[in-house]
Structures are given as C-alpha cells and as structure tokens.
Amino acid sequence: EHKFQNLQFLVRDWANFDDPEDVEENIKQTKDVLEDTLAENFKDGGQRERIMSSFEKVDAFFIPHIGLKPLRKKWTGNLDDCEPGF
C-alpha cells in the first residue's frame, strides 16, 4: 500500500518539445521522458524506487519556455509576445 496518492513533477521552461503547440504530442513526450528517467540505471541510493513505492501515481507536466521578449525588463505584459506554445 502506498503512503501517498499522487506526485507530479512540474518542469518549467522545457525547450525540448518537437512542437510546443501540439499539446497531445507534448503530453506523450512528457510521459516518455518521465518513464525513461525513472528507468535509467544510475546510482541514486534507491531514491527512485522509494518514490515509486511511496506514491500511487507519479506523473510530470512540462511547461514550455515563455520566450525571450517577456523576460526583458521593458516587457509591457502583452501576451502576444509569449511563444505560441506557452
């Protein structure tokens, strides 16, 4: 039995989507990256196994990068300056 229900990793400024505007494909890519990351074979002292056994569901959500214009000091707040996938 798991101690907790859900754990969701939120990753900001993910720049590796093939097409930031294709939400369904991005969700699939996110799941693939999470599965690959949790399956990787590197020394972590059993941390990944403890995470997986502590939560009923482990998931991730990657937010694409907002773009460069909104990062400028003089940005006016115009949402059209954001990257379309954001």
PDB file of N, CA and C in Angstrom:
ATOM      1  N   GLU A   1       0.850  -1.189   0.000  1.00  0.00           N
ATOM      2  CA  GLU A   1       0.000   0.000   0.000  1.00  0.00           C
ATOM      3  C   GLU A   1       0.886   1.240   0.000  1.00  0.00           C
ATOM      4  N   HIS A   2       0.467   2.225  -0.774  1.00  0.00           N
ATOM      5  CA  HIS A   2       1.224   3.470  -0.895  1.00  0.00           C
ATOM      6  C   HIS A   2       0.848   4.436   0.234  1.00  0.00           C
ATOM      7  N   LYS A   3       1.832   5.186   0.679  1.00  0.00           N
ATOM      8  CA  LYS A   3       1.597   6.169   1.733  1.00  0.00           C
ATOM      9  C   LYS A   3       0.886   7.410   1.201  1.00  0.00           C
ATOM     10  N   PHE A   4       1.143   7.756  -0.050  1.00  0.00           N
ATOM     11  CA  PHE A   4       0.615   8.985  -0.623  1.00  0.00           C
ATOM     12  C   PHE A   4      -0.105   8.680  -1.929  1.00  0.00           C
ATOM     13  N   GLN A   5      -0.937   9.633  -2.375  1.00  0.00           N
ATOM     14  CA  GLN A   5      -1.705   9.409  -3.592  1.00  0.00           C
ATOM     15  C   GLN A   5      -0.904   9.742  -4.850  1.00  0.00           C
ATOM     16  N   ASN A   6      -0.614  11.021  -5.055  1.00  0.00           N
ATOM     17  CA  ASN A   6      -0.002  11.443  -6.313  1.00  0.00           C
ATOM     18  C   ASN A   6       1.202  12.350  -6.094  1.00  0.00           C
ATOM     19  N   LEU A   7       2.162  12.207  -6.992  1.00  0.00           N
ATOM     20  CA  LEU A   7       3.301  13.110  -7.052  1.00  0.00           C
ATOM     21  C   LEU A   7       3.416  13.571  -8.494  1.00  0.00           C
ATOM     22  N   GLN A   8       3.411  14.883  -8.694  1.00  0.00           N
ATOM     23  CA  GLN A   8       3.560  15.413 -10.043  1.00  0.00           C
ATOM     24  C   GLN A   8       4.744  16.374 -10.073  1.00  0.00           C
ATOM     25  N   PHE A   9       5.704  16.052 -10.928  1.00  0.00           N
ATOM     26  CA  PHE A   9       6.842  16.930 -11.139  1.00  0.00           C
ATOM     27  C   PHE A   9       6.432  17.997 -12.139  1.00  0.00           C
ATOM     28  N   LEU A  10       6.661  19.242 -11.807  1.00  0.00           N
ATOM     29  CA  LEU A  10       6.384  20.356 -12.705  1.00  0.00           C
ATOM     30  C   LEU A  10       7.725  20.908 -13.184  1.00  0.00           C
ATOM     31  N   VAL A  11       7.949  20.841 -14.483  1.00  0.00           N
ATOM     32  CA  VAL A  11       9.219  21.270 -15.062  1.00  0.00           C
ATOM     33  C   VAL A  11       8.967  22.521 -15.890  1.00  0.00           C
ATOM     34  N   ARG A  12       9.553  23.625 -15.465  1.00  0.00           N
ATOM     35  CA  ARG A  12       9.389  24.904 -16.170  1.00  0.00           C
ATOM     36  C   ARG A  12      10.379  25.032 -17.304  1.00  0.00           C
ATOM     37  N   ASP A  13       9.997  25.825 -18.295  1.00  0.00           N
ATOM     38  CA  ASP A  13      10.887  26.239 -19.380  1.00  0.00           C
ATOM     39  C   ASP A  13      11.465  25.065 -20.162  1.00  0.00           C
ATOM     40  N   TRP A  14      10.665  24.028 -20.367  1.00  0.00           N
ATOM     41  CA  TRP A  14      11.109  22.868 -21.133  1.00  0.00           C
ATOM     42  C   TRP A  14      11.255  23.279 -22.593  1.00  0.00           C
ATOM     43  N   ALA A  15      12.434  23.134 -23.149  1.00  0.00           N
ATOM     44  CA  ALA A  15      12.708  23.602 -24.506  1.00  0.00           C
ATOM     45  C   ALA A  15      12.828  22.452 -25.499  1.00  0.00           C
ATOM     46  N   ASN A  16      12.487  21.248 -25.092  1.00  0.00           N
ATOM     47  CA  ASN A  16      12.746  20.084 -25.937  1.00  0.00           C
ATOM     48  C   ASN A  16      11.519  19.499 -26.623  1.00  0.00           C
ATOM     49  N   PHE A  17      10.395  20.195 -26.608  1.00  0.00           N
ATOM     50  CA  PHE A  17       9.239  19.699 -27.342  1.00  0.00           C
ATOM     51  C   PHE A  17       9.499  19.821 -28.836  1.00  0.00           C
ATOM     52  N   ASP A  18       9.057  18.821 -29.598  1.00  0.00           N
ATOM     53  CA  ASP A  18       9.190  18.901 -31.055  1.00  0.00           C
ATOM     54  C   ASP A  18       8.342  20.043 -31.602  1.00  0.00           C
ATOM     55  N   ASP A  19       7.116  20.184 -31.057  1.00  0.00           N
ATOM     56  CA  ASP A  19       6.202  21.245 -31.477  1.00  0.00           C
ATOM     57  C   ASP A  19       5.455  21.729 -30.235  1.00  0.00           C
ATOM     58  N   PRO A  20       5.862  22.845 -29.627  1.00  0.00           N
ATOM     59  CA  PRO A  20       5.243  23.306 -28.383  1.00  0.00           C
ATOM     60  C   PRO A  20       3.733  23.528 -28.479  1.00  0.00           C
ATOM     61  N   GLU A  21       3.196  23.681 -29.692  1.00  0.00           N
ATOM     62  CA  GLU A  21       1.765  23.929 -29.841  1.00  0.00           C
ATOM     63  C   GLU A  21       0.946  22.639 -29.911  1.00  0.00           C
ATOM     64  N   ASP A  22       1.572  21.482 -30.061  1.00  0.00           N
ATOM     65  CA  ASP A  22       0.865  20.205 -30.151  1.00  0.00           C
ATOM     66  C   ASP A  22       0.751  19.594 -28.755  1.00  0.00           C
ATOM     67  N   VAL A  23      -0.321  19.950 -28.066  1.00  0.00           N
ATOM     68  CA  VAL A  23      -0.487  19.566 -26.658  1.00  0.00           C
ATOM     69  C   VAL A  23      -0.502  18.057 -26.479  1.00  0.00           C
ATOM     70  N   GLU A  24      -1.256  17.342 -27.304  1.00  0.00           N
ATOM     71  CA  GLU A  24      -1.352  15.881 -27.164  1.00  0.00           C
ATOM     72  C   GLU A  24       0.015  15.215 -27.334  1.00  0.00           C
ATOM     73  N   GLU A  25       0.772  15.644 -28.326  1.00  0.00           N
ATOM     74  CA  GLU A  25       2.105  15.086 -28.536  1.00  0.00           C
ATOM     75  C   GLU A  25       3.036  15.447 -27.376  1.00  0.00           C
ATOM     76  N   ASN A  26       2.899  16.654 -26.843  1.00  0.00           N
ATOM     77  CA  ASN A  26       3.734  17.074 -25.717  1.00  0.00           C
ATOM     78  C   ASN A  26       3.452  16.234 -24.480  1.00  0.00           C
ATOM     79  N   ILE A  27       2.190  15.906 -24.248  1.00  0.00           N
ATOM     80  CA  ILE A  27       1.837  15.050 -23.117  1.00  0.00           C
ATOM     81  C   ILE A  27       2.484  13.676 -23.289  1.00  0.00           C
ATOM     82  N   LYS A  28       2.444  13.141 -24.507  1.00  0.00           N
ATOM     83  CA  LYS A  28       3.086  11.846 -24.774  1.00  0.00           C
ATOM     84  C   LYS A  28       4.592  11.942 -24.544  1.00  0.00           C
ATOM     85  N   GLN A  29       5.217  13.007 -25.064  1.00  0.00           N
ATOM     86  CA  GLN A  29       6.657  13.171 -24.877  1.00  0.00           C
ATOM     87  C   GLN A  29       7.009  13.285 -23.394  1.00  0.00           C
ATOM     88  N   THR A  30       6.175  13.996 -22.641  1.00  0.00           N
ATOM     89  CA  THR A  30       6.406  14.148 -21.207  1.00  0.00           C
ATOM     90  C   THR A  30       6.395  12.786 -20.519  1.00  0.00           C
ATOM     91  N   LYS A  31       5.396  11.967 -20.835  1.00  0.00           N
ATOM     92  CA  LYS A  31       5.315  10.628 -20.229  1.00  0.00           C
ATOM     93  C   LYS A  31       6.525   9.782 -20.605  1.00  0.00           C
ATOM     94  N   ASP A  32       6.946   9.875 -21.870  1.00  0.00           N
ATOM     95  CA  ASP A  32       8.115   9.116 -22.308  1.00  0.00           C
ATOM     96  C   ASP A  32       9.372   9.537 -21.550  1.00  0.00           C
ATOM     97  N   VAL A  33       9.566  10.850 -21.397  1.00  0.00           N
ATOM     98  CA  VAL A  33      10.747  11.348 -20.679  1.00  0.00           C
ATOM     99  C   VAL A  33      10.715  10.883 -19.223  1.00  0.00           C
ATOM    100  N   LEU A  34       9.550  10.964 -18.585  1.00  0.00           N
ATOM    101  CA  LEU A  34       9.441  10.538 -17.192  1.00  0.00           C
ATOM    102  C   LEU A  34       9.740   9.042 -17.056  1.00  0.00           C
ATOM    103  N   GLU A  35       9.158   8.228 -17.931  1.00  0.00           N
ATOM    104  CA  GLU A  35       9.407   6.783 -17.886  1.00  0.00           C
ATOM    105  C   GLU A  35      10.885   6.475 -18.080  1.00  0.00           C
ATOM    106  N   ASP A  36      11.499   7.131 -19.068  1.00  0.00           N
ATOM    107  CA  ASP A  36      12.925   6.909 -19.314  1.00  0.00           C
ATOM    108  C   ASP A  36      13.771   7.335 -18.115  1.00  0.00           C
ATOM    109  N   THR A  37      13.420   8.469 -17.519  1.00  0.00           N
ATOM    110  CA  THR A  37      14.172   8.981 -16.374  1.00  0.00           C
ATOM    111  C   THR A  37      14.067   8.043 -15.181  1.00  0.00           C
ATOM    112  N   LEU A  38      12.860   7.549 -14.929  1.00  0.00           N
ATOM    113  CA  LEU A  38      12.677   6.653 -13.787  1.00  0.00           C
ATOM    114  C   LEU A  38      13.293   5.283 -14.028  1.00  0.00           C
ATOM    115  N   ALA A  39      13.485   4.917 -15.289  1.00  0.00           N
ATOM    116  CA  ALA A  39      14.051   3.612 -15.617  1.00  0.00           C
ATOM    117  C   ALA A  39      15.564   3.643 -15.769  1.00  0.00           C
ATOM    118  N   GLU A  40      16.160   4.819 -15.822  1.00  0.00           N
ATOM    119  CA  GLU A  40      17.605   4.927 -16.011  1.00  0.00           C
ATOM    120  C   GLU A  40      18.354   4.181 -14.919  1.00  0.00           C
ATOM    121  N   ASN A  41      19.474   3.644 -15.304  1.00  0.00           N
ATOM    122  CA  ASN A  41      20.281   2.870 -14.371  1.00  0.00           C
ATOM    123  C   ASN A  41      21.473   3.713 -13.911  1.00  0.00           C
ATOM    124  N   PHE A  42      21.295   4.461 -12.855  1.00  0.00           N
ATOM    125  CA  PHE A  42      22.404   5.195 -12.265  1.00  0.00           C
ATOM    126  C   PHE A  42      22.259   5.119 -10.751  1.00  0.00           C
ATOM    127  N   LYS A  43      23.338   5.357 -10.079  1.00  0.00           N
ATOM    128  CA  LYS A  43      23.340   5.223  -8.627  1.00  0.00           C
ATOM    129  C   LYS A  43      22.593   6.380  -7.982  1.00  0.00           C
ATOM    130  N   ASP A  44      21.531   6.072  -7.284  1.00  0.00           N
ATOM    131  CA  ASP A  44      20.774   7.101  -6.580  1.00  0.00           C
ATOM    132  C   ASP A  44      20.408   6.643  -5.171  1.00  0.00           C
ATOM    133  N   GLY A  45      21.030   5.576  -4.730  1.00  0.00           N
ATOM    134  CA  GLY A  45      20.778   5.087  -3.374  1.00  0.00           C
ATOM    135  C   GLY A  45      19.362   4.554  -3.179  1.00  0.00           C
ATOM    136  N   GLY A  46      18.710   4.174  -4.265  1.00  0.00           N
ATOM    137  CA  GLY A  46      17.353   3.648  -4.172  1.00  0.00           C
ATOM    138  C   GLY A  46      16.268   4.708  -4.106  1.00  0.00           C
ATOM    139  N   GLN A  47      16.636   5.957  -4.368  1.00  0.00           N
ATOM    140  CA  GLN A  47      15.676   7.059  -4.257  1.00  0.00           C
ATOM    141  C   GLN A  47      14.486   6.892  -5.198  1.00  0.00           C
ATOM    142  N   ARG A  48      14.745   6.536  -6.458  1.00  0.00           N
ATOM    143  CA  ARG A  48      13.642   6.364  -7.411  1.00  0.00           C
ATOM    144  C   ARG A  48      12.690   5.263  -6.974  1.00  0.00           C
ATOM    145  N   GLU A  49      13.244   4.174  -6.488  1.00  0.00           N
ATOM    146  CA  GLU A  49      12.391   3.075  -6.022  1.00  0.00           C
ATOM    147  C   GLU A  49      11.533   3.503  -4.833  1.00  0.00           C
ATOM    148  N   ARG A  50      12.093   4.278  -3.914  1.00  0.00           N
ATOM    149  CA  ARG A  50      11.321   4.765  -2.765  1.00  0.00           C
ATOM    150  C   ARG A  50      10.207   5.713  -3.212  1.00  0.00           C
ATOM    151  N   ILE A  51      10.508   6.551  -4.197  1.00  0.00           N
ATOM    152  CA  ILE A  51       9.477   7.451  -4.724  1.00  0.00           C
ATOM    153  C   ILE A  51       8.351   6.635  -5.335  1.00  0.00           C
ATOM    154  N   MET A  52       8.691   5.692  -6.185  1.00  0.00           N
ATOM    155  CA  MET A  52       7.674   4.884  -6.859  1.00  0.00           C
ATOM    156  C   MET A  52       6.832   4.067  -5.878  1.00  0.00           C
ATOM    157  N   SER A  53       7.445   3.603  -4.803  1.00  0.00           N
ATOM    158  CA  SER A  53       6.694   2.796  -3.849  1.00  0.00           C
ATOM    159  C   SER A  53       5.899   3.646  -2.860  1.00  0.00           C
ATOM    160  N   SER A  54       6.206   4.924  -2.766  1.00  0.00           N
ATOM    161  CA  SER A  54       5.508   5.795  -1.818  1.00  0.00           C
ATOM    162  C   SER A  54       4.253   6.425  -2.401  1.00  0.00           C
ATOM    163  N   PHE A  55       4.164   6.492  -3.730  1.00  0.00           N
ATOM    164  CA  PHE A  55       3.049   7.178  -4.370  1.00  0.00           C
ATOM    165  C   PHE A  55       2.272   6.227  -5.274  1.00  0.00           C
ATOM    166  N   GLU A  56       0.953   6.372  -5.256  1.00  0.00           N
ATOM    167  CA  GLU A  56       0.114   5.589  -6.156  1.00  0.00           C
ATOM    168  C   GLU A  56       0.397   5.943  -7.604  1.00  0.00           C
ATOM    169  N   LYS A  57       0.611   7.227  -7.857  1.00  0.00           N
ATOM    170  CA  LYS A  57       0.831   7.689  -9.223  1.00  0.00           C
ATOM    171  C   LYS A  57       1.939   8.731  -9.225  1.00  0.00           C
ATOM    172  N   VAL A  58       2.893   8.571 -10.128  1.00  0.00           N
ATOM    173  CA  VAL A  58       3.957   9.556 -10.333  1.00  0.00           C
ATOM    174  C   VAL A  58       3.809  10.058 -11.759  1.00  0.00           C
ATOM    175  N   ASP A  59       3.711  11.373 -11.901  1.00  0.00           N
ATOM    176  CA  ASP A  59       3.444  11.971 -13.196  1.00  0.00           C
ATOM    177  C   ASP A  59       4.305  13.226 -13.351  1.00  0.00           C
ATOM    178  N   ALA A  60       4.301  13.788 -14.533  1.00  0.00           N
ATOM    179  CA  ALA A  60       5.061  15.011 -14.776  1.00  0.00           C
ATOM    180  C   ALA A  60       4.294  15.907 -15.737  1.00  0.00           C
ATOM    181  N   PHE A  61       4.539  17.186 -15.629  1.00  0.00           N
ATOM    182  CA  PHE A  61       3.969  18.169 -16.541  1.00  0.00           C
ATOM    183  C   PHE A  61       5.062  19.157 -16.882  1.00  0.00           C
ATOM    184  N   PHE A  62       5.344  19.283 -18.165  1.00  0.00           N
ATOM    185  CA  PHE A  62       6.411  20.166 -18.617  1.00  0.00           C
ATOM    186  C   PHE A  62       5.794  21.406 -19.232  1.00  0.00           C
ATOM    187  N   ILE A  63       6.212  22.566 -18.794  1.00  0.00           N
ATOM    188  CA  ILE A  63       5.726  23.829 -19.331  1.00  0.00           C
ATOM    189  C   ILE A  63       6.776  24.361 -20.304  1.00  0.00           C
ATOM    190  N   PRO A  64       6.367  24.666 -21.543  1.00  0.00           N
ATOM    191  CA  PRO A  64       7.350  25.190 -22.491  1.00  0.00           C
ATOM    192  C   PRO A  64       7.870  26.562 -22.070  1.00  0.00           C
ATOM    193  N   HIS A  65       8.999  26.919 -22.633  1.00  0.00           N
ATOM    194  CA  HIS A  65       9.610  28.209 -22.335  1.00  0.00           C
ATOM    195  C   HIS A  65       8.716  29.335 -22.837  1.00  0.00           C
ATOM    196  N   ILE A  66       8.608  30.400 -22.082  1.00  0.00           N
ATOM    197  CA  ILE A  66       7.729  31.527 -22.395  1.00  0.00           C
ATOM    198  C   ILE A  66       8.215  32.340 -23.590  1.00  0.00           C
ATOM    199  N   GLY A  67       9.497  32.275 -23.890  1.00  0.00           N
ATOM    200  CA  GLY A  67      10.074  33.099 -24.949  1.00  0.00           C
ATOM    201  C   GLY A  67      10.972  34.159 -24.342  1.00  0.00           C
ATOM    202  N   LEU A  68      11.670  34.883 -25.178  1.00  0.00           N
ATOM    203  CA  LEU A  68      12.643  35.854 -24.673  1.00  0.00           C
ATOM    204  C   LEU A  68      12.061  37.238 -24.416  1.00  0.00           C
ATOM    205  N   LYS A  69      11.073  37.658 -25.200  1.00  0.00           N
ATOM    206  CA  LYS A  69      10.531  39.004 -25.017  1.00  0.00           C
ATOM    207  C   LYS A  69       9.966  39.233 -23.616  1.00  0.00           C
ATOM    208  N   PRO A  70       9.195  38.304 -23.057  1.00  0.00           N
ATOM    209  CA  PRO A  70       8.655  38.546 -21.712  1.00  0.00           C
ATOM    210  C   PRO A  70       9.715  38.589 -20.605  1.00  0.00           C
ATOM    211  N   LEU A  71      10.935  38.203 -20.912  1.00  0.00           N
ATOM    212  CA  LEU A  71      12.000  38.225 -19.912  1.00  0.00           C
ATOM    213  C   LEU A  71      12.689  39.583 -19.820  1.00  0.00           C
ATOM    214  N   ARG A  72      12.412  40.435 -20.767  1.00  0.00           N
ATOM    215  CA  ARG A  72      13.048  41.758 -20.780  1.00  0.00           C
ATOM    216  C   ARG A  72      12.423  42.673 -19.731  1.00  0.00           C
ATOM    217  N   LYS A  73      13.225  43.560 -19.175  1.00  0.00           N
ATOM    218  CA  LYS A  73      12.745  44.491 -18.152  1.00  0.00           C
ATOM    219  C   LYS A  73      11.646  45.401 -18.670  1.00  0.00           C
ATOM    220  N   LYS A  74      11.694  45.729 -19.943  1.00  0.00           N
ATOM    221  CA  LYS A  74      10.721  46.658 -20.507  1.00  0.00           C
ATOM    222  C   LYS A  74       9.485  45.956 -21.086  1.00  0.00           C
ATOM    223  N   TRP A  75       9.281  44.698 -20.773  1.00  0.00           N
ATOM    224  CA  TRP A  75       8.112  43.981 -21.289  1.00  0.00           C
ATOM    225  C   TRP A  75       6.842  44.623 -20.751  1.00  0.00           C
ATOM    226  N   THR A  76       5.889  44.859 -21.623  1.00  0.00           N
ATOM    227  CA  THR A  76       4.662  45.572 -21.264  1.00  0.00           C
ATOM    228  C   THR A  76       3.556  44.653 -20.752  1.00  0.00           C
ATOM    229  N   GLY A  77       3.771  43.355 -20.802  1.00  0.00           N
ATOM    230  CA  GLY A  77       2.743  42.422 -20.356  1.00  0.00           C
ATOM    231  C   GLY A  77       1.872  41.898 -21.492  1.00  0.00           C
ATOM    232  N   ASN A  78       2.207  42.265 -22.712  1.00  0.00           N
ATOM    233  CA  ASN A  78       1.448  41.834 -23.872  1.00  0.00           C
ATOM    234  C   ASN A  78       1.659  40.324 -24.081  1.00  0.00           C
ATOM    235  N   LEU A  79       0.587  39.547 -23.961  1.00  0.00           N
ATOM    236  CA  LEU A  79       0.687  38.090 -24.076  1.00  0.00           C
ATOM    237  C   LEU A  79       1.034  37.632 -25.484  1.00  0.00           C
ATOM    238  N   ASP A  80       0.853  38.498 -26.464  1.00  0.00           N
ATOM    239  CA  ASP A  80       1.254  38.151 -27.831  1.00  0.00           C
ATOM    240  C   ASP A  80       2.759  38.002 -27.963  1.00  0.00           C
ATOM    241  N   ASP A  81       3.511  38.522 -27.008  1.00  0.00           N
ATOM    242  CA  ASP A  81       4.968  38.396 -27.016  1.00  0.00           C
ATOM    243  C   ASP A  81       5.435  37.017 -26.561  1.00  0.00           C
ATOM    244  N   CYS A  82       4.548  36.244 -25.948  1.00  0.00           N
ATOM    245  CA  CYS A  82       4.890  34.905 -25.469  1.00  0.00           C
ATOM    246  C   CYS A  82       4.961  33.940 -26.639  1.00  0.00           C
ATOM    247  N   GLU A  83       5.756  32.899 -26.505  1.00  0.00           N
ATOM    248  CA  GLU A  83       5.803  31.855 -27.515  1.00  0.00           C
ATOM    249  C   GLU A  83       4.419  31.232 -27.662  1.00  0.00           C
ATOM    250  N   PRO A  84       4.017  30.867 -28.881  1.00  0.00           N
ATOM    251  CA  PRO A  84       2.657  30.339 -29.088  1.00  0.00           C
ATOM    252  C   PRO A  84       2.339  29.094 -28.252  1.00  0.00           C
ATOM    253  N   GLY A  85       3.294  28.212 -28.027  1.00  0.00           N
ATOM    254  CA  GLY A  85       3.036  27.004 -27.250  1.00  0.00           C
ATOM    255  C   GLY A  85       2.865  27.234 -25.767  1.00  0.00           C
ATOM    256  N   PHE A  86       3.267  28.404 -25.294  1.00  0.00           N
ATOM    257  CA  PHE A  86       3.168  28.707 -23.878  1.00  0.00           C
ATOM    258  C   PHE A  86       1.732  29.033 -23.547  1.00  0.00           C
TER     259      PHE A  86
END
